[in-house]
N, C-alpha and C. Protein backbone atom coordinates (compact mmCIF):
# COMPACT_ATOMS: atom_id res chain seq x y z
N UNK A 1 -11.33 0.69 8.47
CA UNK A 1 -11.17 0.46 7.25
C UNK A 1 -12.76 0.41 6.24
N UNK A 2 -12.59 1.44 5.48
CA UNK A 2 -13.94 1.81 4.56
C UNK A 2 -14.88 0.77 4.46
N UNK A 3 -15.88 0.78 4.67
CA UNK A 3 -17.43 -0.40 4.10
C UNK A 3 -16.70 -0.97 2.73
N UNK A 4 -16.57 -0.20 1.46
CA UNK A 4 -16.22 -0.34 0.75
C UNK A 4 -15.05 -0.93 0.39
N UNK A 5 -13.95 -0.93 1.41
CA UNK A 5 -12.78 -1.75 1.32
C UNK A 5 -12.44 -2.76 1.87
N UNK A 6 -13.47 -3.28 2.50
CA UNK A 6 -13.80 -4.56 2.84
C UNK A 6 -14.83 -4.97 2.19
N UNK A 7 -15.43 -4.45 1.40
CA UNK A 7 -16.32 -5.44 0.47
C UNK A 7 -15.31 -5.46 -0.64
N UNK A 8 -14.23 -5.03 -0.87
CA UNK A 8 -13.55 -5.51 -2.04
C UNK A 8 -12.89 -6.78 -1.75
N UNK A 9 -12.47 -6.65 -0.34
CA UNK A 9 -11.73 -7.96 -0.06
C UNK A 9 -12.79 -9.11 -0.13
N UNK A 10 -14.05 -8.76 0.16
CA UNK A 10 -15.21 -10.12 -0.28
C UNK A 10 -15.24 -10.54 -1.22
N UNK A 11 -14.72 -9.74 -1.99
CA UNK A 11 -15.14 -10.01 -3.77
C UNK A 11 -14.00 -10.82 -4.14
N UNK A 12 -12.69 -10.14 -3.70
CA UNK A 12 -11.46 -11.30 -3.82
C UNK A 12 -11.60 -12.55 -3.38
N UNK A 13 -11.88 -12.64 -2.07
CA UNK A 13 -11.90 -13.48 -1.47
C UNK A 13 -12.87 -14.81 -1.83
N UNK A 14 -13.83 -14.39 -2.97
CA UNK A 14 -14.80 -15.19 -3.00
C UNK A 14 -14.64 -16.04 -4.47
N UNK A 15 -13.87 -16.91 -3.85
CA UNK A 15 -13.33 -18.11 -5.18
C UNK A 15 -12.90 -18.97 -4.33
N UNK A 16 -13.01 -20.40 -5.17
CA UNK A 16 -13.33 -21.75 -4.46
C UNK A 16 -11.05 -22.15 -4.25
N UNK A 17 -10.67 -21.37 -4.69
CA UNK A 17 -8.99 -21.38 -4.53
C UNK A 17 -8.77 -20.28 -3.32
N UNK A 18 -7.58 -20.73 -2.62
CA UNK A 18 -7.54 -19.51 -1.70
C UNK A 18 -6.40 -18.60 -2.46
N UNK A 19 -6.61 -17.21 -2.21
CA UNK A 19 -6.49 -16.20 -2.97
C UNK A 19 -4.66 -16.70 -2.66
N UNK A 20 -4.18 -16.40 -1.47
CA UNK A 20 -2.67 -16.52 -1.03
C UNK A 20 -2.01 -18.04 -0.88
N UNK A 21 -2.76 -19.14 -0.96
CA UNK A 21 -2.80 -19.98 -1.09
C UNK A 21 -2.55 -20.76 0.39
N UNK A 22 -2.55 -21.92 0.86
CA UNK A 22 -2.88 -22.82 2.23
C UNK A 22 -1.74 -22.73 3.13
N UNK A 23 -0.57 -22.41 2.27
CA UNK A 23 0.81 -22.67 3.25
C UNK A 23 1.06 -21.60 3.78
N UNK A 24 1.77 -22.12 5.19
CA UNK A 24 1.97 -21.03 6.17
C UNK A 24 3.28 -19.76 5.37
N UNK A 25 3.48 -18.81 5.85
CA UNK A 25 4.04 -18.24 5.37
C UNK A 25 5.61 -18.03 5.70
N UNK A 26 6.80 -17.95 4.79
CA UNK A 26 8.14 -18.55 4.91
C UNK A 26 8.72 -17.62 5.81
N UNK A 27 8.25 -16.88 5.71
CA UNK A 27 9.35 -15.72 7.43
C UNK A 27 8.81 -16.37 8.70
N UNK A 28 7.81 -16.78 8.31
CA UNK A 28 6.51 -16.84 9.93
C UNK A 28 7.14 -18.03 9.97
N UNK A 29 7.16 -18.86 9.55
CA UNK A 29 7.75 -20.49 9.75
C UNK A 29 9.32 -20.60 9.91
N UNK A 30 10.03 -20.08 9.10
CA UNK A 30 11.44 -19.50 9.86
C UNK A 30 11.77 -19.04 11.30
N UNK A 31 11.12 -18.16 11.54
CA UNK A 31 11.48 -17.10 12.87
C UNK A 31 10.27 -17.42 13.95
N UNK A 32 8.93 -18.77 13.62
CA UNK A 32 8.63 -19.05 15.04
C UNK A 32 9.25 -19.59 15.88
N UNK A 33 10.28 -20.70 15.66
CA UNK A 33 11.69 -21.35 16.91
C UNK A 33 11.23 -20.23 17.90
N UNK A 34 11.38 -18.65 17.71
CA UNK A 34 11.43 -17.62 18.86
C UNK A 34 9.95 -18.29 19.47
N UNK A 35 9.46 -18.63 19.44
CA UNK A 35 8.49 -18.64 20.52
C UNK A 35 8.03 -20.00 21.69
N UNK A 36 7.31 -19.65 22.64
CA UNK A 36 7.14 -20.23 23.50
C UNK A 36 6.39 -21.23 23.51
N UNK A 37 6.05 -22.19 24.29
CA UNK A 37 4.96 -23.68 23.31
C UNK A 37 4.01 -22.91 23.93
N UNK A 38 2.74 -22.91 23.57
CA UNK A 38 1.45 -22.50 23.91
C UNK A 38 1.33 -21.24 23.67
N UNK A 39 1.92 -20.49 22.85
CA UNK A 39 1.66 -19.08 23.07
C UNK A 39 0.34 -18.61 23.03
N UNK A 40 -0.11 -17.43 22.69
CA UNK A 40 -1.13 -16.85 22.99
C UNK A 40 -0.78 -15.26 21.72
N UNK A 41 -1.42 -16.02 20.32
CA UNK A 41 -0.90 -15.63 19.20
C UNK A 41 -2.14 -14.89 18.62
N UNK A 42 -2.10 -13.17 18.62
CA UNK A 42 -2.79 -12.54 17.74
C UNK A 42 -2.07 -12.22 16.06
N UNK A 43 -3.03 -13.29 15.07
CA UNK A 43 -2.84 -12.73 13.86
C UNK A 43 -3.77 -11.95 12.99
N UNK A 44 -3.02 -10.64 12.72
CA UNK A 44 -3.63 -9.52 12.23
C UNK A 44 -4.06 -9.69 10.64
N UNK A 45 -5.33 -9.46 10.42
CA UNK A 45 -5.72 -9.49 8.84
C UNK A 45 -5.00 -11.17 8.32
N UNK A 46 -5.50 -11.72 9.27
CA UNK A 46 -5.24 -13.22 8.81
C UNK A 46 -6.01 -13.59 7.37
N UNK A 47 -6.41 -12.90 6.64
CA UNK A 47 -7.24 -13.45 5.87
C UNK A 47 -7.94 -15.02 5.66
N UNK A 48 -7.43 -16.08 5.10
CA UNK A 48 -8.10 -17.06 4.75
C UNK A 48 -7.51 -17.86 5.66
N UNK A 49 -6.61 -17.49 6.40
CA UNK A 49 -6.34 -17.75 7.97
C UNK A 49 -5.06 -18.94 7.82
N UNK A 50 -4.06 -19.08 6.52
CA UNK A 50 -3.24 -19.67 6.75
C UNK A 50 -2.13 -19.85 7.65
N UNK A 51 -1.89 -18.71 7.79
CA UNK A 51 -0.98 -18.06 8.99
C UNK A 51 -1.55 -18.88 10.12
N UNK A 52 -2.73 -18.14 10.36
CA UNK A 52 -3.00 -18.38 11.81
C UNK A 52 -3.50 -20.12 12.09
N UNK A 53 -3.98 -20.64 11.52
CA UNK A 53 -4.21 -22.01 11.19
C UNK A 53 -2.95 -22.66 11.31
N UNK A 54 -2.10 -22.48 10.69
CA UNK A 54 -0.67 -22.87 10.57
C UNK A 54 -0.48 -22.96 12.02
N UNK A 55 -0.05 -22.11 13.12
CA UNK A 55 -0.04 -21.43 14.27
C UNK A 55 -0.34 -22.29 15.12
N UNK A 56 -2.07 -22.70 14.93
CA UNK A 56 -2.45 -23.29 15.75
C UNK A 56 -2.26 -24.87 15.67
N UNK A 57 -1.60 -25.50 14.78
CA UNK A 57 -1.14 -27.02 14.50
C UNK A 57 0.13 -27.09 14.94
N UNK A 58 0.84 -25.70 15.56
CA UNK A 58 2.24 -25.81 16.44
C UNK A 58 1.74 -26.16 17.76
N UNK A 59 0.64 -25.86 18.00
CA UNK A 59 -0.28 -26.12 19.53
C UNK A 59 -0.09 -24.61 20.20
N UNK A 60 -0.70 -23.70 19.04
CA UNK A 60 -0.46 -22.53 19.97
C UNK A 60 -1.83 -22.08 20.13
N UNK A 61 -2.66 -20.77 20.51
CA UNK A 61 -3.90 -20.29 21.33
C UNK A 61 -3.53 -19.44 20.06
N UNK A 62 -4.56 -19.51 18.98
CA UNK A 62 -4.39 -18.56 18.29
C UNK A 62 -6.01 -17.79 17.87
N UNK A 63 -6.03 -16.72 18.00
CA UNK A 63 -6.93 -15.24 17.55
C UNK A 63 -6.97 -14.94 16.23
N UNK A 64 -7.96 -15.13 15.17
CA UNK A 64 -7.14 -14.62 14.13
C UNK A 64 -8.49 -13.61 13.85
N UNK A 65 -7.60 -12.63 12.80
CA UNK A 65 -8.52 -11.60 13.19
C UNK A 65 -8.59 -10.83 12.18
N UNK A 66 -10.20 -10.59 10.86
CA UNK A 66 -9.68 -9.89 9.78
C UNK A 66 -11.18 -9.45 9.46
N UNK A 67 -11.09 -8.45 8.44
CA UNK A 67 -12.44 -7.64 8.19
C UNK A 67 -13.39 -8.44 7.36
N UNK A 68 -12.37 -9.11 6.79
CA UNK A 68 -13.59 -9.97 5.29
C UNK A 68 -14.34 -11.33 6.05
N UNK A 69 -15.60 -11.37 5.89
CA UNK A 69 -16.56 -12.23 6.29
C UNK A 69 -16.07 -13.74 5.64
N UNK A 70 -15.97 -13.34 4.28
CA UNK A 70 -16.05 -14.61 3.30
C UNK A 70 -14.37 -14.97 3.50
N UNK A 71 -13.23 -14.02 4.08
CA UNK A 71 -12.04 -14.74 4.20
C UNK A 71 -12.34 -15.80 5.81
N UNK A 72 -12.60 -14.69 6.39
CA UNK A 72 -13.16 -15.85 7.26
C UNK A 72 -14.09 -17.13 7.66
N UNK A 73 -14.99 -17.41 6.63
CA UNK A 73 -15.07 -18.53 6.07
C UNK A 73 -14.52 -19.45 5.57
N UNK A 74 -13.82 -18.91 4.58
CA UNK A 74 -12.51 -20.12 4.66
C UNK A 74 -11.47 -20.32 5.83
N UNK A 75 -11.39 -19.24 6.22
CA UNK A 75 -10.31 -19.60 7.21
C UNK A 75 -11.02 -20.92 8.28
N UNK A 76 -12.06 -20.40 8.56
CA UNK A 76 -12.82 -21.64 9.29
C UNK A 76 -12.61 -23.10 8.54
N UNK A 77 -13.12 -23.34 7.38
CA UNK A 77 -13.00 -24.23 6.68
C UNK A 77 -11.29 -24.68 6.70
N UNK A 78 -10.69 -23.98 6.67
CA UNK A 78 -8.93 -24.72 6.56
C UNK A 78 -8.53 -25.05 8.30
N UNK A 79 -9.46 -24.55 8.70
CA UNK A 79 -8.91 -25.19 10.58
C UNK A 79 -9.78 -26.24 10.83
N UNK A 80 -10.97 -26.53 10.01
CA UNK A 80 -11.51 -27.62 10.21
C UNK A 80 -11.11 -28.65 9.74
N UNK A 81 -10.36 -28.65 8.01
CA UNK A 81 -9.58 -29.59 7.13
C UNK A 81 -8.14 -29.89 7.70
N UNK A 82 -8.06 -29.20 8.60
CA UNK A 82 -5.94 -29.23 9.56
C UNK A 82 -6.33 -29.60 11.32
N UNK A 83 -7.87 -29.64 11.35
CA UNK A 83 -8.23 -30.88 12.84
C UNK A 83 -7.88 -29.67 13.51
N UNK A 84 -7.63 -28.61 13.83
CA UNK A 84 -7.48 -27.61 14.64
C UNK A 84 -8.62 -26.38 15.20
N UNK A 85 -8.43 -25.61 15.83
CA UNK A 85 -9.61 -24.79 16.35
C UNK A 85 -8.44 -23.58 16.38
N UNK A 86 -9.28 -22.80 15.85
CA UNK A 86 -8.75 -21.01 15.94
C UNK A 86 -9.56 -20.08 16.13
N UNK A 87 -9.78 -18.90 16.77
CA UNK A 87 -10.47 -17.90 17.56
C UNK A 87 -10.81 -17.04 16.49
N UNK A 88 -11.82 -17.22 15.68
CA UNK A 88 -11.64 -15.91 14.73
C UNK A 88 -12.84 -14.92 15.01
N UNK A 89 -12.04 -13.72 14.78
CA UNK A 89 -12.71 -12.40 15.28
C UNK A 89 -12.93 -12.06 13.50
N UNK A 90 -14.28 -11.15 13.52
CA UNK A 90 -14.61 -10.63 12.09
C UNK A 90 -14.90 -9.41 12.79
N UNK A 91 -13.92 -8.37 12.12
CA UNK A 91 -13.80 -6.91 12.77
C UNK A 91 -13.05 -6.14 11.77
N UNK A 92 -13.40 -5.14 11.39
CA UNK A 92 -12.71 -3.61 11.25
C UNK A 92 -11.64 -3.43 12.03
N UNK A 93 -10.02 -3.86 12.03
CA UNK A 93 -8.84 -3.36 12.83
C UNK A 93 -8.89 -2.37 13.02
N UNK A 94 -9.30 -1.26 12.15
CA UNK A 94 -9.44 0.28 12.46
C UNK A 94 -10.30 0.94 13.73
N UNK A 95 -11.11 -0.12 13.86
CA UNK A 95 -12.73 0.53 14.63
C UNK A 95 -12.53 -0.96 15.76
N UNK A 96 -11.67 -1.51 15.80
CA UNK A 96 -12.00 -2.54 16.74
C UNK A 96 -11.37 -2.31 18.15
N UNK A 97 -12.03 -2.83 19.16
CA UNK A 97 -11.31 -2.32 20.81
C UNK A 97 -10.24 -3.69 20.99
N UNK A 98 -8.88 -3.36 20.64
CA UNK A 98 -7.54 -4.12 20.42
C UNK A 98 -7.64 -4.43 22.43
N UNK A 99 -7.91 -6.03 22.68
CA UNK A 99 -7.24 -6.15 23.72
C UNK A 99 -5.75 -5.59 24.46
N UNK A 100 -5.47 -5.27 25.70
CA UNK A 100 -4.19 -4.53 26.42
C UNK A 100 -3.27 -5.44 26.72
N UNK A 101 -2.12 -5.65 26.41
CA UNK A 101 -1.07 -6.57 27.19
C UNK A 101 -1.86 -7.93 27.31
N UNK A 102 -2.30 -8.56 26.09
CA UNK A 102 -3.09 -9.36 26.03
C UNK A 102 -1.92 -10.97 25.32
N UNK A 103 -1.15 -10.56 24.94
CA UNK A 103 -0.74 -11.74 23.77
C UNK A 103 0.64 -12.06 24.17
N UNK A 104 0.92 -13.05 23.82
CA UNK A 104 2.39 -13.31 23.47
C UNK A 104 3.38 -13.30 22.93
N UNK A 105 2.31 -13.31 21.57
CA UNK A 105 3.24 -12.58 20.49
C UNK A 105 1.61 -12.36 19.37
N UNK A 106 2.09 -11.14 18.45
CA UNK A 106 1.11 -10.40 17.25
C UNK A 106 1.97 -10.76 15.96
N UNK A 107 1.44 -11.40 15.04
CA UNK A 107 1.95 -11.84 14.02
C UNK A 107 1.13 -10.76 13.11
N UNK A 108 2.02 -10.33 11.72
CA UNK A 108 1.34 -9.38 11.26
C UNK A 108 1.73 -9.29 9.39
N UNK A 109 1.56 -10.28 8.83
CA UNK A 109 2.19 -10.45 7.44
C UNK A 109 1.27 -10.23 6.29
N UNK A 110 2.17 -9.13 5.70
CA UNK A 110 1.49 -8.48 4.23
C UNK A 110 0.32 -7.66 4.77
N UNK A 111 0.04 -6.79 5.61
CA UNK A 111 -0.87 -6.09 5.97
C UNK A 111 -1.11 -4.73 5.57
N UNK A 112 -0.48 -4.11 4.60
CA UNK A 112 -0.54 -3.28 3.65
C UNK A 112 -1.14 -2.42 3.35
N UNK A 113 -2.44 -2.61 3.89
CA UNK A 113 -3.81 -1.88 2.91
C UNK A 113 -4.25 -0.56 3.68
N UNK A 114 -3.36 -0.69 4.83
CA UNK A 114 -3.11 0.84 4.91
C UNK A 114 -2.73 2.39 4.86
N UNK A 115 -3.35 3.35 4.99
CA UNK A 115 -2.44 4.58 4.60
C UNK A 115 -1.84 4.54 5.59
N UNK A 116 -0.52 5.51 5.53
CA UNK A 116 0.78 6.03 7.10
C UNK A 116 -0.05 6.28 8.07
N UNK A 117 -1.22 7.31 8.49
CA UNK A 117 -1.79 7.39 9.32
C UNK A 117 -2.56 6.16 10.17
N UNK A 118 -3.07 5.49 9.01
CA UNK A 118 -3.61 3.98 9.71
C UNK A 118 -3.09 3.06 9.71
N UNK A 119 -1.94 3.55 9.22
CA UNK A 119 -0.53 2.23 9.54
C UNK A 119 -0.27 2.59 11.07
N UNK A 120 0.07 3.94 11.47
CA UNK A 120 0.33 4.19 12.83
C UNK A 120 -0.56 3.67 14.00
N UNK A 121 -1.59 3.93 13.46
CA UNK A 121 -2.20 3.66 14.54
C UNK A 121 -2.90 1.98 14.82
N UNK A 122 -2.51 1.37 13.72
CA UNK A 122 -2.25 -0.42 13.53
C UNK A 122 -1.14 -0.48 14.28
N UNK A 123 0.11 -0.31 14.22
CA UNK A 123 1.48 -0.41 14.66
C UNK A 123 0.93 -0.17 16.50
N UNK A 124 0.70 1.14 16.77
CA UNK A 124 0.43 1.41 17.92
C UNK A 124 -0.60 0.13 18.63
N UNK A 125 -1.91 -0.12 17.87
CA UNK A 125 -2.50 -1.04 18.55
C UNK A 125 -1.90 -2.30 18.71
N UNK A 126 -0.70 -3.18 17.76
CA UNK A 126 -0.64 -3.87 17.93
C UNK A 126 0.82 -4.29 18.91
N UNK A 127 0.94 -3.16 18.92
CA UNK A 127 2.59 -3.06 20.21
C UNK A 127 1.55 -2.87 21.76
N UNK A 128 0.50 -2.60 21.58
CA UNK A 128 -0.38 -2.76 22.90
C UNK A 128 -0.50 -3.86 23.39
N UNK A 129 -0.99 -4.46 22.05
CA UNK A 129 -1.35 -5.71 22.46
C UNK A 129 -0.90 -6.94 23.13
N UNK A 130 0.23 -6.30 22.88
CA UNK A 130 1.06 -7.72 23.43
C UNK A 130 1.57 -7.51 25.18
N UNK A 131 1.95 -8.59 25.47
CA UNK A 131 2.15 -8.46 26.97
C UNK A 131 3.73 -7.79 26.90
N UNK A 132 4.42 -7.54 28.26
CA UNK A 132 6.09 -7.17 28.16
C UNK A 132 6.57 -8.31 27.63
N UNK A 133 7.29 -8.26 27.18
CA UNK A 133 8.81 -9.32 26.64
C UNK A 133 7.33 -10.10 25.31
N UNK A 134 6.47 -10.04 24.87
CA UNK A 134 5.68 -10.29 23.79
C UNK A 134 6.64 -9.65 22.43
N UNK A 135 6.38 -11.15 21.57
CA UNK A 135 7.52 -10.71 19.84
C UNK A 135 6.23 -10.13 19.04
N UNK A 136 6.92 -9.53 18.61
CA UNK A 136 5.52 -8.89 17.23
C UNK A 136 6.77 -9.43 15.84
N UNK A 137 5.59 -9.87 14.66
CA UNK A 137 6.46 -10.59 13.94
C UNK A 137 5.81 -10.04 12.62
N UNK A 138 6.43 -9.30 11.88
CA UNK A 138 6.06 -8.58 11.00
C UNK A 138 6.95 -8.91 9.79
N UNK A 139 5.91 -8.72 8.39
CA UNK A 139 7.14 -9.14 6.82
C UNK A 139 5.85 -7.95 6.21
N UNK A 140 6.75 -7.09 5.24
CA UNK A 140 5.50 -6.53 3.57
C UNK A 140 6.58 -6.30 3.30
N UNK A 141 6.18 -5.79 2.04
CA UNK A 141 6.89 -5.33 0.93
C UNK A 141 7.82 -3.99 1.02
N UNK A 142 9.16 -4.15 0.25
CA UNK A 142 10.17 -2.76 0.65
C UNK A 142 9.33 -1.96 -0.71
N UNK A 143 9.79 -0.42 -0.93
CA UNK A 143 9.78 0.04 -2.23
C UNK A 143 9.93 -0.34 -3.30
N UNK A 144 10.97 -1.66 -3.48
CA UNK A 144 11.79 -1.90 -4.87
C UNK A 144 10.67 -2.81 -5.01
N UNK A 145 9.51 -2.97 -4.84
CA UNK A 145 8.21 -3.70 -5.32
C UNK A 145 7.27 -2.98 -6.37
N UNK A 146 7.95 -2.06 -6.55
CA UNK A 146 7.00 -1.49 -7.43
C UNK A 146 7.78 -1.88 -8.71
N UNK A 147 8.87 -2.40 -8.51
CA UNK A 147 9.12 -2.63 -10.04
C UNK A 147 8.91 -4.07 -10.13
N UNK A 148 8.53 -4.69 -9.16
CA UNK A 148 8.51 -6.41 -9.55
C UNK A 148 6.95 -6.32 -9.87
N UNK A 149 6.10 -6.22 -8.81
CA UNK A 149 4.70 -5.65 -8.90
C UNK A 149 4.05 -7.57 -9.28
N UNK A 150 4.96 -7.95 -8.03
CA UNK A 150 4.46 -9.66 -8.06
C UNK A 150 3.57 -9.44 -6.92
N UNK A 151 2.34 -8.40 -6.16
CA UNK A 151 1.82 -8.38 -5.26
C UNK A 151 1.89 -7.47 -4.57
N UNK A 152 0.94 -7.08 -3.39
CA UNK A 152 0.99 -5.79 -2.97
C UNK A 152 0.73 -4.61 -3.62
N UNK A 153 0.54 -3.39 -2.82
CA UNK A 153 -0.23 -2.09 -2.58
C UNK A 153 0.64 -1.64 -3.89
N UNK A 154 0.24 -0.61 -5.11
CA UNK A 154 1.32 0.11 -6.03
C UNK A 154 0.67 1.22 -5.49
N UNK A 155 0.88 1.98 -4.05
CA UNK A 155 0.89 3.36 -3.53
C UNK A 155 2.30 2.95 -2.81
N UNK A 156 3.35 3.76 -3.48
CA UNK A 156 4.73 3.74 -2.53
C UNK A 156 4.67 3.87 -0.40
N UNK A 157 3.20 4.87 -0.77
CA UNK A 157 3.16 5.59 0.66
C UNK A 157 2.83 4.07 1.96
N UNK A 158 2.40 3.04 1.04
CA UNK A 158 2.07 2.30 1.74
C UNK A 158 2.93 0.79 1.44
N UNK A 159 4.25 1.06 1.06
CA UNK A 159 5.09 0.43 0.91
C UNK A 159 6.07 0.53 2.50
N UNK A 160 7.10 -0.91 2.97
CA UNK A 160 7.74 -0.70 3.98
C UNK A 160 9.47 0.13 3.54
N UNK A 161 10.21 0.77 4.51
CA UNK A 161 11.72 0.85 4.46
C UNK A 161 11.94 0.42 5.62
N UNK A 162 13.40 0.31 5.44
CA UNK A 162 14.08 -0.01 7.15
C UNK A 162 14.29 1.26 8.19
N UNK A 163 14.23 2.13 7.59
CA UNK A 163 14.36 3.80 8.96
C UNK A 163 12.73 3.70 8.91
N UNK A 164 11.66 3.63 8.21
CA UNK A 164 10.15 3.62 8.49
C UNK A 164 10.52 3.02 9.65
N UNK A 165 10.75 1.18 9.59
CA UNK A 165 10.17 0.44 11.06
C UNK A 165 11.42 0.39 12.02
N UNK A 166 12.54 0.94 11.57
CA UNK A 166 13.29 1.63 12.72
C UNK A 166 12.60 2.30 13.78
N UNK A 167 12.02 3.42 13.05
CA UNK A 167 11.65 4.43 13.60
C UNK A 167 10.12 4.02 14.17
N UNK A 168 9.29 3.49 13.67
CA UNK A 168 8.41 3.23 14.32
C UNK A 168 8.51 2.30 15.34
N UNK A 169 9.27 1.76 15.49
CA UNK A 169 9.41 0.44 16.86
C UNK A 169 10.96 0.85 17.58
N UNK A 170 11.24 1.87 17.48
CA UNK A 170 12.44 2.33 18.44
C UNK A 170 12.42 2.25 19.60
N UNK A 171 10.84 2.10 20.36
CA UNK A 171 10.53 1.83 21.46
C UNK A 171 10.20 0.56 21.70
N UNK A 172 10.59 -0.53 21.10
CA UNK A 172 10.75 -2.22 21.17
C UNK A 172 12.45 -2.38 20.92
N UNK A 173 12.62 -3.36 21.34
CA UNK A 173 14.29 -4.01 21.22
C UNK A 173 13.54 -5.23 19.85
N UNK A 174 14.57 -4.27 18.91
CA UNK A 174 14.29 -5.41 17.27
C UNK A 174 15.65 -6.07 17.58
N UNK A 175 15.20 -7.80 17.01
CA UNK A 175 15.64 -8.70 16.77
C UNK A 175 16.02 -8.73 15.69
N UNK A 176 15.29 -8.93 14.96
CA UNK A 176 15.95 -9.12 13.62
C UNK A 176 15.29 -7.62 12.73
N UNK A 177 15.92 -7.42 11.91
CA UNK A 177 14.83 -5.92 10.63
C UNK A 177 16.09 -6.32 9.33
N UNK A 178 15.51 -6.76 8.23
CA UNK A 178 16.11 -6.91 6.94
C UNK A 178 15.80 -7.03 6.11
N UNK A 179 16.29 -6.59 4.67
CA UNK A 179 15.19 -6.25 3.67
C UNK A 179 16.68 -7.19 2.61
N UNK A 180 15.64 -7.84 1.52
CA UNK A 180 16.06 -8.79 0.52
C UNK A 180 15.39 -9.02 -0.63
N UNK A 181 15.39 -9.72 -1.25
CA UNK A 181 14.81 -10.11 -2.67
C UNK A 181 14.42 -11.82 -2.67
N UNK A 182 13.55 -12.25 -2.55
CA UNK A 182 13.09 -13.70 -3.13
C UNK A 182 11.95 -14.16 -3.60
N UNK A 183 11.93 -15.24 -3.98
CA UNK A 183 11.30 -15.88 -4.91
C UNK A 183 10.02 -16.38 -4.08
N UNK A 184 8.91 -15.50 -4.01
CA UNK A 184 7.56 -16.29 -3.58
C UNK A 184 6.71 -16.73 -3.85
N UNK A 185 5.80 -17.98 -3.29
CA UNK A 185 4.73 -18.68 -4.36
C UNK A 185 3.64 -18.76 -3.43
N UNK A 186 2.86 -17.82 -2.81
CA UNK A 186 1.39 -17.59 -2.29
C UNK A 186 0.66 -17.58 -2.87
N UNK A 187 -0.01 -18.67 -3.61
CA UNK A 187 -1.10 -18.26 -4.45
C UNK A 187 -0.82 -17.52 -5.43
N UNK A 188 -1.43 -17.26 -5.99
CA UNK A 188 -2.16 -16.45 -6.93
C UNK A 188 -1.95 -15.05 -6.40
N UNK A 189 -2.16 -14.65 -5.15
CA UNK A 189 -1.88 -13.43 -5.04
C UNK A 189 0.08 -12.68 -4.48
N UNK A 190 0.24 -13.66 -4.29
CA UNK A 190 1.78 -12.86 -4.40
C UNK A 190 2.40 -14.71 -4.89
N UNK A 191 2.75 -14.05 -6.56
CA UNK A 191 3.73 -14.96 -7.01
C UNK A 191 4.74 -14.39 -7.86
N UNK A 192 6.28 -14.60 -7.51
CA UNK A 192 7.46 -13.95 -8.19
C UNK A 192 8.31 -13.42 -6.95
N UNK A 193 9.36 -12.81 -7.76
CA UNK A 193 10.32 -12.21 -7.41
C UNK A 193 10.11 -11.58 -6.69
N UNK A 194 10.19 -11.14 -4.86
CA UNK A 194 9.08 -9.99 -4.51
C UNK A 194 10.66 -8.86 -3.46
N UNK A 195 10.08 -8.07 -3.34
CA UNK A 195 11.57 -7.38 -2.45
C UNK A 195 10.27 -7.11 -0.60
N UNK A 196 11.11 -7.82 -0.42
CA UNK A 196 10.82 -8.08 1.21
C UNK A 196 11.57 -7.33 2.90
N UNK A 197 10.77 -6.84 3.58
CA UNK A 197 11.37 -6.65 4.78
C UNK A 197 11.04 -7.40 5.89
N UNK A 198 11.90 -7.74 6.26
CA UNK A 198 11.58 -8.38 7.92
C UNK A 198 11.20 -7.90 9.01
N UNK A 199 10.85 -8.17 10.00
CA UNK A 199 10.98 -7.79 11.46
C UNK A 199 10.32 -8.48 12.26
N UNK A 200 11.26 -8.67 13.45
CA UNK A 200 10.92 -9.38 14.62
C UNK A 200 11.54 -8.49 15.88
N UNK A 201 11.06 -7.55 16.58
CA UNK A 201 10.51 -7.03 18.05
C UNK A 201 10.30 -7.60 18.99
N UNK A 202 10.80 -7.25 20.43
CA UNK A 202 10.21 -7.49 21.37
C UNK A 202 9.82 -6.41 22.22
N UNK A 203 8.55 -5.85 22.72
CA UNK A 203 8.18 -5.31 23.93
C UNK A 203 9.48 -5.24 24.87
N UNK A 204 9.22 -4.64 25.39
CA UNK A 204 10.59 -4.50 26.26
C UNK A 204 9.92 -5.11 27.80
N UNK A 205 10.28 -5.55 28.59
CA UNK A 205 9.65 -6.47 30.00
C UNK A 205 9.35 -5.32 31.00
N UNK A 206 9.84 -4.26 30.82
CA UNK A 206 9.68 -3.04 31.94
C UNK A 206 9.67 -1.72 31.47
């Protein structure tokens, strides 16, 4: 991610309130029952930490990574407020040396800042970071989000489609893939009727 893009996020997060709220994402909360106890989890582009901190509250070992120092400071404060420990890593996701086969799960909620070529790299890194049998939890906006304008990018190329995710995760076992509309309230950043796509996929065990 370009330095200017990280600075843009620093500026956006530089507010006393939590831009995307403090509550866990509803999709992650629903699907986290698939996780084994004390899983080692990587929360990708975890921002102000709402999802990583919630996972730590459930007893998981969480590594929360984001490029914004401002966001990570707020994630640290949220973890302290909730009385949990989260490993915080400040890094550019496109430049970070990703651990290999190290996590039981990777969580990627609304990470649609990447262009298509960058998205391919991120997906490849997320796959390789999982241990065999590990789970990927991915939620993002579908193309219909361009009509709702209640959050997310304004460029169609950065949005998901079912075909795109089927293709990009064809080497994984897809456990859940669905497209739907729902009203969400995640701070000021995601608020209102939204076009969503959920994916849960498992890295093959062999």
